[in-house]
Amino acid sequence: MGKDWKDRLGTVYSTNAEFNYNQTEDEIQDTLPKKEQILYISLDKKNRKGKAVTLVEGFVGKQIDLKDLGKLLKSKCGVGGSIKDGEILIQGDFRDKIIDLLKASGYKVKRKGG
């Protein structure tokens, strides 16, 4: 089976003997250049026991590039966070700082919500 079994997690089993697993285009999509990215920044407090997190959404590209961007933002803000479901979550309200950092890096940024 090889090391690619993790790529198939979440795939429904098929009894078709001719079935071939193919990755979708979303999973192998190239990362758009920074100037073509439009990232949305918002504050989220839902289901977090009242604690705020800054969300960065809208990144189009490879998971590794998203993780690198998340790592950069976490280190520049000096806080923890995570990358989940194509979003970057930064602990605390760092909307203004993240917007400034992303614009300085060449991304197009839009503020979402309040």
PDB file of N, CA and C in Angstrom:
ATOM      1  N   MET A   1       0.817  -1.192   0.000  1.00  0.00           N
ATOM      2  CA  MET A   1       0.000   0.000   0.000  1.00  0.00           C
ATOM      3  C   MET A   1       0.861   1.257   0.000  1.00  0.00           C
ATOM      4  N   GLY A   2       1.996   1.247   0.647  1.00  0.00           N
ATOM      5  CA  GLY A   2       2.887   2.393   0.613  1.00  0.00           C
ATOM      6  C   GLY A   2       2.558   3.435   1.670  1.00  0.00           C
ATOM      7  N   LYS A   3       3.184   4.596   1.537  1.00  0.00           N
ATOM      8  CA  LYS A   3       3.012   5.673   2.513  1.00  0.00           C
ATOM      9  C   LYS A   3       1.837   6.579   2.186  1.00  0.00           C
ATOM     10  N   ASP A   4       1.142   6.335   1.080  1.00  0.00           N
ATOM     11  CA  ASP A   4       0.082   7.239   0.675  1.00  0.00           C
ATOM     12  C   ASP A   4      -1.264   6.909   1.306  1.00  0.00           C
ATOM     13  N   TRP A   5      -1.332   5.994   2.253  1.00  0.00           N
ATOM     14  CA  TRP A   5      -2.603   5.631   2.870  1.00  0.00           C
ATOM     15  C   TRP A   5      -3.231   6.804   3.599  1.00  0.00           C
ATOM     16  N   LYS A   6      -2.402   7.713   4.152  1.00  0.00           N
ATOM     17  CA  LYS A   6      -2.936   8.882   4.858  1.00  0.00           C
ATOM     18  C   LYS A   6      -3.664   9.814   3.906  1.00  0.00           C
ATOM     19  N   ASP A   7      -3.258   9.817   2.631  1.00  0.00           N
ATOM     20  CA  ASP A   7      -3.934  10.645   1.638  1.00  0.00           C
ATOM     21  C   ASP A   7      -5.361  10.174   1.397  1.00  0.00           C
ATOM     22  N   ARG A   8      -5.640   8.937   1.729  1.00  0.00           N
ATOM     23  CA  ARG A   8      -6.962   8.388   1.455  1.00  0.00           C
ATOM     24  C   ARG A   8      -7.879   8.418   2.672  1.00  0.00           C
ATOM     25  N   LEU A   9      -7.433   8.976   3.795  1.00  0.00           N
ATOM     26  CA  LEU A   9      -8.285   9.050   4.973  1.00  0.00           C
ATOM     27  C   LEU A   9      -9.536   9.846   4.632  1.00  0.00           C
ATOM     28  N   GLY A  10     -10.670   9.394   5.078  1.00  0.00           N
ATOM     29  CA  GLY A  10     -11.920  10.083   4.791  1.00  0.00           C
ATOM     30  C   GLY A  10     -12.571   9.624   3.499  1.00  0.00           C
ATOM     31  N   THR A  11     -11.949   8.707   2.785  1.00  0.00           N
ATOM     32  CA  THR A  11     -12.510   8.176   1.554  1.00  0.00           C
ATOM     33  C   THR A  11     -13.396   6.985   1.896  1.00  0.00           C
ATOM     34  N   VAL A  12     -14.553   6.957   1.289  1.00  0.00           N
ATOM     35  CA  VAL A  12     -15.480   5.860   1.508  1.00  0.00           C
ATOM     36  C   VAL A  12     -14.976   4.630   0.763  1.00  0.00           C
ATOM     37  N   TYR A  13     -15.096   3.476   1.367  1.00  0.00           N
ATOM     38  CA  TYR A  13     -14.656   2.218   0.776  1.00  0.00           C
ATOM     39  C   TYR A  13     -15.496   1.888  -0.447  1.00  0.00           C
ATOM     40  N   SER A  14     -14.871   1.380  -1.476  1.00  0.00           N
ATOM     41  CA  SER A  14     -15.579   0.979  -2.685  1.00  0.00           C
ATOM     42  C   SER A  14     -15.391  -0.515  -2.926  1.00  0.00           C
ATOM     43  N   THR A  15     -16.472  -1.178  -3.320  1.00  0.00           N
ATOM     44  CA  THR A  15     -16.386  -2.604  -3.654  1.00  0.00           C
ATOM     45  C   THR A  15     -16.056  -2.802  -5.127  1.00  0.00           C
ATOM     46  N   ASN A  16     -15.964  -1.723  -5.875  1.00  0.00           N
ATOM     47  CA  ASN A  16     -15.631  -1.786  -7.294  1.00  0.00           C
ATOM     48  C   ASN A  16     -14.162  -2.178  -7.437  1.00  0.00           C
ATOM     49  N   ALA A  17     -13.894  -3.302  -8.072  1.00  0.00           N
ATOM     50  CA  ALA A  17     -12.519  -3.787  -8.228  1.00  0.00           C
ATOM     51  C   ALA A  17     -11.684  -2.866  -9.115  1.00  0.00           C
ATOM     52  N   GLU A  18     -12.320  -2.061  -9.951  1.00  0.00           N
ATOM     53  CA  GLU A  18     -11.596  -1.167 -10.856  1.00  0.00           C
ATOM     54  C   GLU A  18     -11.452   0.249 -10.308  1.00  0.00           C
ATOM     55  N   PHE A  19     -11.880   0.455  -9.054  1.00  0.00           N
ATOM     56  CA  PHE A  19     -11.822   1.788  -8.461  1.00  0.00           C
ATOM     57  C   PHE A  19     -10.374   2.198  -8.215  1.00  0.00           C
ATOM     58  N   ASN A  20     -10.021   3.384  -8.648  1.00  0.00           N
ATOM     59  CA  ASN A  20      -8.704   3.966  -8.377  1.00  0.00           C
ATOM     60  C   ASN A  20      -8.903   5.240  -7.598  1.00  0.00           C
ATOM     61  N   TYR A  21      -8.182   5.353  -6.507  1.00  0.00           N
ATOM     62  CA  TYR A  21      -8.261   6.580  -5.716  1.00  0.00           C
ATOM     63  C   TYR A  21      -7.481   7.670  -6.424  1.00  0.00           C
ATOM     64  N   ASN A  22      -8.128   8.811  -6.645  1.00  0.00           N
ATOM     65  CA  ASN A  22      -7.474   9.976  -7.253  1.00  0.00           C
ATOM     66  C   ASN A  22      -7.656  11.163  -6.339  1.00  0.00           C
ATOM     67  N   GLN A  23      -6.588  11.902  -6.131  1.00  0.00           N
ATOM     68  CA  GLN A  23      -6.703  13.118  -5.338  1.00  0.00           C
ATOM     69  C   GLN A  23      -7.483  14.141  -6.139  1.00  0.00           C
ATOM     70  N   THR A  24      -8.276  14.945  -5.417  1.00  0.00           N
ATOM     71  CA  THR A  24      -8.998  16.011  -6.094  1.00  0.00           C
ATOM     72  C   THR A  24      -8.059  17.170  -6.372  1.00  0.00           C
ATOM     73  N   GLU A  25      -8.477  18.052  -7.246  1.00  0.00           N
ATOM     74  CA  GLU A  25      -7.630  19.198  -7.602  1.00  0.00           C
ATOM     75  C   GLU A  25      -7.356  20.088  -6.408  1.00  0.00           C
ATOM     76  N   ASP A  26      -8.317  20.180  -5.468  1.00  0.00           N
ATOM     77  CA  ASP A  26      -8.124  21.034  -4.304  1.00  0.00           C
ATOM     78  C   ASP A  26      -6.942  20.572  -3.458  1.00  0.00           C
ATOM     79  N   GLU A  27      -6.731  19.264  -3.375  1.00  0.00           N
ATOM     80  CA  GLU A  27      -5.674  18.735  -2.522  1.00  0.00           C
ATOM     81  C   GLU A  27      -4.282  18.979  -3.091  1.00  0.00           C
ATOM     82  N   ILE A  28      -4.188  19.151  -4.406  1.00  0.00           N
ATOM     83  CA  ILE A  28      -2.875  19.320  -5.014  1.00  0.00           C
ATOM     84  C   ILE A  28      -2.748  20.669  -5.722  1.00  0.00           C
ATOM     85  N   GLN A  29      -3.598  21.608  -5.339  1.00  0.00           N
ATOM     86  CA  GLN A  29      -3.601  22.915  -5.981  1.00  0.00           C
ATOM     87  C   GLN A  29      -2.332  23.690  -5.638  1.00  0.00           C
ATOM     88  N   ASP A  30      -1.755  24.335  -6.653  1.00  0.00           N
ATOM     89  CA  ASP A  30      -0.583  25.162  -6.427  1.00  0.00           C
ATOM     90  C   ASP A  30      -0.968  26.407  -5.640  1.00  0.00           C
ATOM     91  N   THR A  31      -0.010  26.946  -4.920  1.00  0.00           N
ATOM     92  CA  THR A  31      -0.238  28.148  -4.135  1.00  0.00           C
ATOM     93  C   THR A  31      -0.237  29.358  -5.056  1.00  0.00           C
ATOM     94  N   LEU A  32      -1.272  30.166  -4.927  1.00  0.00           N
ATOM     95  CA  LEU A  32      -1.348  31.405  -5.708  1.00  0.00           C
ATOM     96  C   LEU A  32      -0.278  32.375  -5.222  1.00  0.00           C
ATOM     97  N   PRO A  33       0.234  33.234  -6.112  1.00  0.00           N
ATOM     98  CA  PRO A  33       1.175  34.266  -5.674  1.00  0.00           C
ATOM     99  C   PRO A  33       0.524  35.185  -4.636  1.00  0.00           C
ATOM    100  N   LYS A  34       1.331  35.770  -3.768  1.00  0.00           N
ATOM    101  CA  LYS A  34       0.818  36.616  -2.682  1.00  0.00           C
ATOM    102  C   LYS A  34      -0.099  37.717  -3.191  1.00  0.00           C
ATOM    103  N   LYS A  35       0.282  38.370  -4.294  1.00  0.00           N
ATOM    104  CA  LYS A  35      -0.510  39.500  -4.786  1.00  0.00           C
ATOM    105  C   LYS A  35      -1.873  39.076  -5.334  1.00  0.00           C
ATOM    106  N   GLU A  36      -2.065  37.764  -5.599  1.00  0.00           N
ATOM    107  CA  GLU A  36      -3.346  37.257  -6.087  1.00  0.00           C
ATOM    108  C   GLU A  36      -4.204  36.669  -4.965  1.00  0.00           C
ATOM    109  N   GLN A  37      -3.646  36.540  -3.786  1.00  0.00           N
ATOM    110  CA  GLN A  37      -4.373  35.998  -2.632  1.00  0.00           C
ATOM    111  C   GLN A  37      -5.229  37.111  -2.012  1.00  0.00           C
ATOM    112  N   ILE A  38      -6.433  36.772  -1.615  1.00  0.00           N
ATOM    113  CA  ILE A  38      -7.274  37.692  -0.837  1.00  0.00           C
ATOM    114  C   ILE A  38      -7.593  36.973   0.467  1.00  0.00           C
ATOM    115  N   LEU A  39      -7.020  37.460   1.554  1.00  0.00           N
ATOM    116  CA  LEU A  39      -7.194  36.831   2.852  1.00  0.00           C
ATOM    117  C   LEU A  39      -8.182  37.642   3.684  1.00  0.00           C
ATOM    118  N   TYR A  40      -9.069  36.943   4.373  1.00  0.00           N
ATOM    119  CA  TYR A  40     -10.085  37.572   5.205  1.00  0.00           C
ATOM    120  C   TYR A  40      -9.732  37.378   6.665  1.00  0.00           C
ATOM    121  N   ILE A  41      -9.725  38.484   7.407  1.00  0.00           N
ATOM    122  CA  ILE A  41      -9.339  38.474   8.816  1.00  0.00           C
ATOM    123  C   ILE A  41     -10.588  38.753   9.654  1.00  0.00           C
ATOM    124  N   SER A  42     -10.829  37.918  10.666  1.00  0.00           N
ATOM    125  CA  SER A  42     -11.983  38.130  11.539  1.00  0.00           C
ATOM    126  C   SER A  42     -11.651  37.667  12.954  1.00  0.00           C
ATOM    127  N   LEU A  43     -12.515  38.084  13.886  1.00  0.00           N
ATOM    128  CA  LEU A  43     -12.379  37.680  15.279  1.00  0.00           C
ATOM    129  C   LEU A  43     -13.487  36.682  15.578  1.00  0.00           C
ATOM    130  N   ASP A  44     -13.157  35.582  16.215  1.00  0.00           N
ATOM    131  CA  ASP A  44     -14.137  34.555  16.519  1.00  0.00           C
ATOM    132  C   ASP A  44     -14.087  34.214  18.004  1.00  0.00           C
ATOM    133  N   LYS A  45     -15.264  34.217  18.636  1.00  0.00           N
ATOM    134  CA  LYS A  45     -15.361  33.835  20.047  1.00  0.00           C
ATOM    135  C   LYS A  45     -16.298  32.656  20.245  1.00  0.00           C
ATOM    136  N   LYS A  46     -16.888  32.168  19.163  1.00  0.00           N
ATOM    137  CA  LYS A  46     -17.870  31.090  19.256  1.00  0.00           C
ATOM    138  C   LYS A  46     -17.205  29.772  19.655  1.00  0.00           C
ATOM    139  N   ASN A  47     -17.843  29.066  20.553  1.00  0.00           N
ATOM    140  CA  ASN A  47     -17.392  27.746  21.008  1.00  0.00           C
ATOM    141  C   ASN A  47     -15.953  27.751  21.520  1.00  0.00           C
ATOM    142  N   ARG A  48     -15.545  28.849  22.124  1.00  0.00           N
ATOM    143  CA  ARG A  48     -14.170  28.943  22.630  1.00  0.00           C
ATOM    144  C   ARG A  48     -14.150  29.410  24.091  1.00  0.00           C
ATOM    145  N   LYS A  49     -15.239  29.200  24.784  1.00  0.00           N
ATOM    146  CA  LYS A  49     -15.351  29.565  26.203  1.00  0.00           C
ATOM    147  C   LYS A  49     -15.027  31.034  26.437  1.00  0.00           C
ATOM    148  N   GLY A  50     -15.460  31.901  25.528  1.00  0.00           N
ATOM    149  CA  GLY A  50     -15.276  33.336  25.684  1.00  0.00           C
ATOM    150  C   GLY A  50     -13.922  33.859  25.242  1.00  0.00           C
ATOM    151  N   LYS A  51     -13.013  32.984  24.896  1.00  0.00           N
ATOM    152  CA  LYS A  51     -11.684  33.418  24.463  1.00  0.00           C
ATOM    153  C   LYS A  51     -11.712  33.725  22.973  1.00  0.00           C
ATOM    154  N   ALA A  52     -11.060  34.795  22.606  1.00  0.00           N
ATOM    155  CA  ALA A  52     -11.066  35.230  21.211  1.00  0.00           C
ATOM    156  C   ALA A  52      -9.901  34.632  20.437  1.00  0.00           C
ATOM    157  N   VAL A  53     -10.157  34.324  19.174  1.00  0.00           N
ATOM    158  CA  VAL A  53      -9.093  33.943  18.257  1.00  0.00           C
ATOM    159  C   VAL A  53      -9.250  34.769  16.990  1.00  0.00           C
ATOM    160  N   THR A  54      -8.131  35.107  16.391  1.00  0.00           N
ATOM    161  CA  THR A  54      -8.129  35.805  15.118  1.00  0.00           C
ATOM    162  C   THR A  54      -8.055  34.750  14.023  1.00  0.00           C
ATOM    163  N   LEU A  55      -9.004  34.801  13.094  1.00  0.00           N
ATOM    164  CA  LEU A  55      -9.063  33.841  11.996  1.00  0.00           C
ATOM    165  C   LEU A  55      -8.523  34.472  10.721  1.00  0.00           C
ATOM    166  N   VAL A  56      -7.711  33.724  10.004  1.00  0.00           N
ATOM    167  CA  VAL A  56      -7.239  34.124   8.681  1.00  0.00           C
ATOM    168  C   VAL A  56      -7.796  33.085   7.718  1.00  0.00           C
ATOM    169  N   GLU A  57      -8.685  33.519   6.820  1.00  0.00           N
ATOM    170  CA  GLU A  57      -9.349  32.606   5.890  1.00  0.00           C
ATOM    171  C   GLU A  57      -9.077  33.027   4.451  1.00  0.00           C
ATOM    172  N   GLY A  58      -9.316  32.125   3.539  1.00  0.00           N
ATOM    173  CA  GLY A  58      -9.248  32.446   2.120  1.00  0.00           C
ATOM    174  C   GLY A  58      -7.941  32.089   1.436  1.00  0.00           C
ATOM    175  N   PHE A  59      -7.009  31.449   2.141  1.00  0.00           N
ATOM    176  CA  PHE A  59      -5.724  31.091   1.540  1.00  0.00           C
ATOM    177  C   PHE A  59      -5.946  30.018   0.490  1.00  0.00           C
ATOM    178  N   VAL A  60      -5.377  30.230  -0.693  1.00  0.00           N
ATOM    179  CA  VAL A  60      -5.488  29.258  -1.779  1.00  0.00           C
ATOM    180  C   VAL A  60      -4.099  28.705  -2.055  1.00  0.00           C
ATOM    181  N   GLY A  61      -3.920  27.413  -1.781  1.00  0.00           N
ATOM    182  CA  GLY A  61      -2.622  26.823  -2.054  1.00  0.00           C
ATOM    183  C   GLY A  61      -2.365  25.566  -1.272  1.00  0.00           C
ATOM    184  N   LYS A  62      -1.109  25.180  -1.271  1.00  0.00           N
ATOM    185  CA  LYS A  62      -0.676  23.946  -0.624  1.00  0.00           C
ATOM    186  C   LYS A  62      -0.702  24.096   0.894  1.00  0.00           C
ATOM    187  N   GLN A  63      -0.978  22.984   1.558  1.00  0.00           N
ATOM    188  CA  GLN A  63      -1.052  22.964   3.018  1.00  0.00           C
ATOM    189  C   GLN A  63       0.275  23.392   3.653  1.00  0.00           C
ATOM    190  N   ILE A  64       1.379  23.020   3.067  1.00  0.00           N
ATOM    191  CA  ILE A  64       2.691  23.376   3.631  1.00  0.00           C
ATOM    192  C   ILE A  64       2.913  24.886   3.623  1.00  0.00           C
ATOM    193  N   ASP A  65       2.433  25.553   2.561  1.00  0.00           N
ATOM    194  CA  ASP A  65       2.571  27.008   2.487  1.00  0.00           C
ATOM    195  C   ASP A  65       1.670  27.699   3.503  1.00  0.00           C
ATOM    196  N   LEU A  66       0.488  27.124   3.722  1.00  0.00           N
ATOM    197  CA  LEU A  66      -0.429  27.656   4.740  1.00  0.00           C
ATOM    198  C   LEU A  66       0.199  27.510   6.124  1.00  0.00           C
ATOM    199  N   LYS A  67       0.823  26.355   6.390  1.00  0.00           N
ATOM    200  CA  LYS A  67       1.478  26.136   7.679  1.00  0.00           C
ATOM    201  C   LYS A  67       2.623  27.117   7.889  1.00  0.00           C
ATOM    202  N   ASP A  68       3.391  27.384   6.822  1.00  0.00           N
ATOM    203  CA  ASP A  68       4.499  28.346   6.924  1.00  0.00           C
ATOM    204  C   ASP A  68       3.983  29.739   7.258  1.00  0.00           C
ATOM    205  N   LEU A  69       2.883  30.142   6.615  1.00  0.00           N
ATOM    206  CA  LEU A  69       2.297  31.452   6.896  1.00  0.00           C
ATOM    207  C   LEU A  69       1.785  31.501   8.334  1.00  0.00           C
ATOM    208  N   GLY A  70       1.132  30.436   8.777  1.00  0.00           N
ATOM    209  CA  GLY A  70       0.647  30.372  10.153  1.00  0.00           C
ATOM    210  C   GLY A  70       1.778  30.468  11.160  1.00  0.00           C
ATOM    211  N   LYS A  71       2.859  29.785  10.882  1.00  0.00           N
ATOM    212  CA  LYS A  71       4.037  29.820  11.765  1.00  0.00           C
ATOM    213  C   LYS A  71       4.604  31.229  11.844  1.00  0.00           C
ATOM    214  N   LEU A  72       4.680  31.910  10.697  1.00  0.00           N
ATOM    215  CA  LEU A  72       5.176  33.290  10.668  1.00  0.00           C
ATOM    216  C   LEU A  72       4.287  34.208  11.508  1.00  0.00           C
ATOM    217  N   LEU A  73       2.973  34.106  11.329  1.00  0.00           N
ATOM    218  CA  LEU A  73       2.053  34.978  12.069  1.00  0.00           C
ATOM    219  C   LEU A  73       2.101  34.704  13.564  1.00  0.00           C
ATOM    220  N   LYS A  74       2.176  33.432  13.951  1.00  0.00           N
ATOM    221  CA  LYS A  74       2.255  33.098  15.368  1.00  0.00           C
ATOM    222  C   LYS A  74       3.526  33.661  15.992  1.00  0.00           C
ATOM    223  N   SER A  75       4.635  33.555  15.288  1.00  0.00           N
ATOM    224  CA  SER A  75       5.895  34.044  15.852  1.00  0.00           C
ATOM    225  C   SER A  75       5.919  35.569  15.924  1.00  0.00           C
ATOM    226  N   LYS A  76       5.376  36.237  14.913  1.00  0.00           N
ATOM    227  CA  LYS A  76       5.358  37.709  14.912  1.00  0.00           C
ATOM    228  C   LYS A  76       4.426  38.269  15.986  1.00  0.00           C
ATOM    229  N   CYS A  77       3.350  37.524  16.298  1.00  0.00           N
ATOM    230  CA  CYS A  77       2.412  37.964  17.330  1.00  0.00           C
ATOM    231  C   CYS A  77       2.831  37.479  18.716  1.00  0.00           C
ATOM    232  N   GLY A  78       3.730  36.507  18.755  1.00  0.00           N
ATOM    233  CA  GLY A  78       4.216  36.000  20.036  1.00  0.00           C
ATOM    234  C   GLY A  78       3.190  35.172  20.792  1.00  0.00           C
ATOM    235  N   VAL A  79       2.300  34.507  20.050  1.00  0.00           N
ATOM    236  CA  VAL A  79       1.264  33.697  20.689  1.00  0.00           C
ATOM    237  C   VAL A  79       1.152  32.350  19.983  1.00  0.00           C
ATOM    238  N   GLY A  80       0.317  31.498  20.537  1.00  0.00           N
ATOM    239  CA  GLY A  80       0.061  30.199  19.928  1.00  0.00           C
ATOM    240  C   GLY A  80      -1.071  30.277  18.925  1.00  0.00           C
ATOM    241  N   GLY A  81      -1.337  29.168  18.323  1.00  0.00           N
ATOM    242  CA  GLY A  81      -2.408  29.092  17.344  1.00  0.00           C
ATOM    243  C   GLY A  81      -2.335  27.760  16.635  1.00  0.00           C
ATOM    244  N   SER A  82      -3.142  27.628  15.590  1.00  0.00           N
ATOM    245  CA  SER A  82      -3.144  26.378  14.842  1.00  0.00           C
ATOM    246  C   SER A  82      -3.617  26.622  13.413  1.00  0.00           C
ATOM    247  N   ILE A  83      -3.447  25.606  12.602  1.00  0.00           N
ATOM    248  CA  ILE A  83      -3.933  25.616  11.230  1.00  0.00           C
ATOM    249  C   ILE A  83      -4.940  24.485  11.161  1.00  0.00           C
ATOM    250  N   LYS A  84      -6.193  24.821  10.809  1.00  0.00           N
ATOM    251  CA  LYS A  84      -7.256  23.834  10.848  1.00  0.00           C
ATOM    252  C   LYS A  84      -8.256  24.131   9.738  1.00  0.00           C
ATOM    253  N   ASP A  85      -8.599  23.143   8.951  1.00  0.00           N
ATOM    254  CA  ASP A  85      -9.601  23.276   7.895  1.00  0.00           C
ATOM    255  C   ASP A  85      -9.317  24.437   6.944  1.00  0.00           C
ATOM    256  N   GLY A  86      -8.057  24.633   6.606  1.00  0.00           N
ATOM    257  CA  GLY A  86      -7.693  25.689   5.670  1.00  0.00           C
ATOM    258  C   GLY A  86      -7.695  27.080   6.263  1.00  0.00           C
ATOM    259  N   GLU A  87      -7.802  27.187   7.577  1.00  0.00           N
ATOM    260  CA  GLU A  87      -7.801  28.467   8.271  1.00  0.00           C
ATOM    261  C   GLU A  87      -6.616  28.534   9.233  1.00  0.00           C
ATOM    262  N   ILE A  88      -6.154  29.743   9.459  1.00  0.00           N
ATOM    263  CA  ILE A  88      -5.129  29.970  10.480  1.00  0.00           C
ATOM    264  C   ILE A  88      -5.831  30.572  11.685  1.00  0.00           C
ATOM    265  N   LEU A  89      -5.652  29.974  12.854  1.00  0.00           N
ATOM    266  CA  LEU A  89      -6.226  30.490  14.088  1.00  0.00           C
ATOM    267  C   LEU A  89      -5.092  31.004  14.958  1.00  0.00           C
ATOM    268  N   ILE A  90      -5.160  32.276  15.332  1.00  0.00           N
ATOM    269  CA  ILE A  90      -4.158  32.897  16.197  1.00  0.00           C
ATOM    270  C   ILE A  90      -4.850  33.252  17.508  1.00  0.00           C
ATOM    271  N   GLN A  91      -4.301  32.807  18.634  1.00  0.00           N
ATOM    272  CA  GLN A  91      -4.925  33.060  19.929  1.00  0.00           C
ATOM    273  C   GLN A  91      -4.882  34.541  20.269  1.00  0.00           C
ATOM    274  N   GLY A  92      -6.049  35.111  20.566  1.00  0.00           N
ATOM    275  CA  GLY A  92      -6.152  36.515  20.938  1.00  0.00           C
ATOM    276  C   GLY A  92      -6.617  37.384  19.784  1.00  0.00           C
ATOM    277  N   ASP A  93      -6.834  38.660  20.091  1.00  0.00           N
ATOM    278  CA  ASP A  93      -7.284  39.625  19.088  1.00  0.00           C
ATOM    279  C   ASP A  93      -6.076  40.357  18.507  1.00  0.00           C
ATOM    280  N   PHE A  94      -5.593  39.869  17.385  1.00  0.00           N
ATOM    281  CA  PHE A  94      -4.436  40.453  16.713  1.00  0.00           C
ATOM    282  C   PHE A  94      -4.797  40.887  15.294  1.00  0.00           C
ATOM    283  N   ARG A  95      -6.072  41.257  15.078  1.00  0.00           N
ATOM    284  CA  ARG A  95      -6.526  41.593  13.725  1.00  0.00           C
ATOM    285  C   ARG A  95      -5.681  42.686  13.079  1.00  0.00           C
ATOM    286  N   ASP A  96      -5.489  43.793  13.784  1.00  0.00           N
ATOM    287  CA  ASP A  96      -4.740  44.915  13.195  1.00  0.00           C
ATOM    288  C   ASP A  96      -3.296  44.543  12.886  1.00  0.00           C
ATOM    289  N   LYS A  97      -2.651  43.862  13.810  1.00  0.00           N
ATOM    290  CA  LYS A  97      -1.249  43.470  13.612  1.00  0.00           C
ATOM    291  C   LYS A  97      -1.118  42.488  12.448  1.00  0.00           C
ATOM    292  N   ILE A  98      -2.035  41.533  12.358  1.00  0.00           N
ATOM    293  CA  ILE A  98      -1.988  40.538  11.287  1.00  0.00           C
ATOM    294  C   ILE A  98      -2.265  41.190   9.936  1.00  0.00           C
ATOM    295  N   ILE A  99      -3.215  42.111   9.907  1.00  0.00           N
ATOM    296  CA  ILE A  99      -3.495  42.832   8.658  1.00  0.00           C
ATOM    297  C   ILE A  99      -2.249  43.574   8.193  1.00  0.00           C
ATOM    298  N   ASP A 100      -1.584  44.268   9.106  1.00  0.00           N
ATOM    299  CA  ASP A 100      -0.350  44.996   8.757  1.00  0.00           C
ATOM    300  C   ASP A 100       0.741  44.049   8.276  1.00  0.00           C
ATOM    301  N   LEU A 101       0.917  42.915   8.970  1.00  0.00           N
ATOM    302  CA  LEU A 101       1.945  41.945   8.587  1.00  0.00           C
ATOM    303  C   LEU A 101       1.687  41.358   7.201  1.00  0.00           C
ATOM    304  N   LEU A 102       0.432  41.005   6.939  1.00  0.00           N
ATOM    305  CA  LEU A 102       0.093  40.402   5.651  1.00  0.00           C
ATOM    306  C   LEU A 102       0.233  41.400   4.507  1.00  0.00           C
ATOM    307  N   LYS A 103      -0.200  42.642   4.736  1.00  0.00           N
ATOM    308  CA  LYS A 103      -0.055  43.676   3.701  1.00  0.00           C
ATOM    309  C   LYS A 103       1.420  43.935   3.409  1.00  0.00           C
ATOM    310  N   ALA A 104       2.239  43.971   4.455  1.00  0.00           N
ATOM    311  CA  ALA A 104       3.674  44.192   4.274  1.00  0.00           C
ATOM    312  C   ALA A 104       4.324  43.034   3.514  1.00  0.00           C
ATOM    313  N   SER A 105       3.737  41.827   3.631  1.00  0.00           N
ATOM    314  CA  SER A 105       4.257  40.665   2.917  1.00  0.00           C
ATOM    315  C   SER A 105       3.760  40.580   1.479  1.00  0.00           C
ATOM    316  N   GLY A 106       2.805  41.445   1.112  1.00  0.00           N
ATOM    317  CA  GLY A 106       2.322  41.472  -0.264  1.00  0.00           C
ATOM    318  C   GLY A 106       0.962  40.854  -0.499  1.00  0.00           C
ATOM    319  N   TYR A 107       0.260  40.452   0.562  1.00  0.00           N
ATOM    320  CA  TYR A 107      -1.075  39.868   0.419  1.00  0.00           C
ATOM    321  C   TYR A 107      -2.138  40.968   0.348  1.00  0.00           C
ATOM    322  N   LYS A 108      -3.258  40.660  -0.322  1.00  0.00           N
ATOM    323  CA  LYS A 108      -4.435  41.517  -0.268  1.00  0.00           C
ATOM    324  C   LYS A 108      -5.239  41.047   0.925  1.00  0.00           C
ATOM    325  N   VAL A 109      -5.680  41.990   1.755  1.00  0.00           N
ATOM    326  CA  VAL A 109      -6.339  41.636   3.006  1.00  0.00           C
ATOM    327  C   VAL A 109      -7.654  42.389   3.121  1.00  0.00           C
ATOM    328  N   LYS A 110      -8.682  41.679   3.596  1.00  0.00           N
ATOM    329  CA  LYS A 110      -9.978  42.302   3.879  1.00  0.00           C
ATOM    330  C   LYS A 110     -10.399  41.924   5.287  1.00  0.00           C
ATOM    331  N   ARG A 111     -10.938  42.901   5.989  1.00  0.00           N
ATOM    332  CA  ARG A 111     -11.424  42.658   7.339  1.00  0.00           C
ATOM    333  C   ARG A 111     -12.860  42.184   7.254  1.00  0.00           C
ATOM    334  N   LYS A 112     -13.150  41.112   7.943  1.00  0.00           N
ATOM    335  CA  LYS A 112     -14.478  40.523   7.942  1.00  0.00           C
ATOM    336  C   LYS A 112     -15.140  40.775   9.284  1.00  0.00           C
ATOM    337  N   GLY A 113     -16.381  41.155   9.298  1.00  0.00           N
ATOM    338  CA  GLY A 113     -17.090  41.356  10.558  1.00  0.00           C
ATOM    339  C   GLY A 113     -16.689  42.660  11.216  1.00  0.00           C
ATOM    340  N   GLY A 114     -16.871  42.729  12.566  1.00  0.00           N
ATOM    341  CA  GLY A 114     -16.668  43.946  13.335  1.00  0.00           C
ATOM    342  C   GLY A 114     -15.330  44.426  13.440  1.00  0.00           C
TER     343      GLY A 114
END
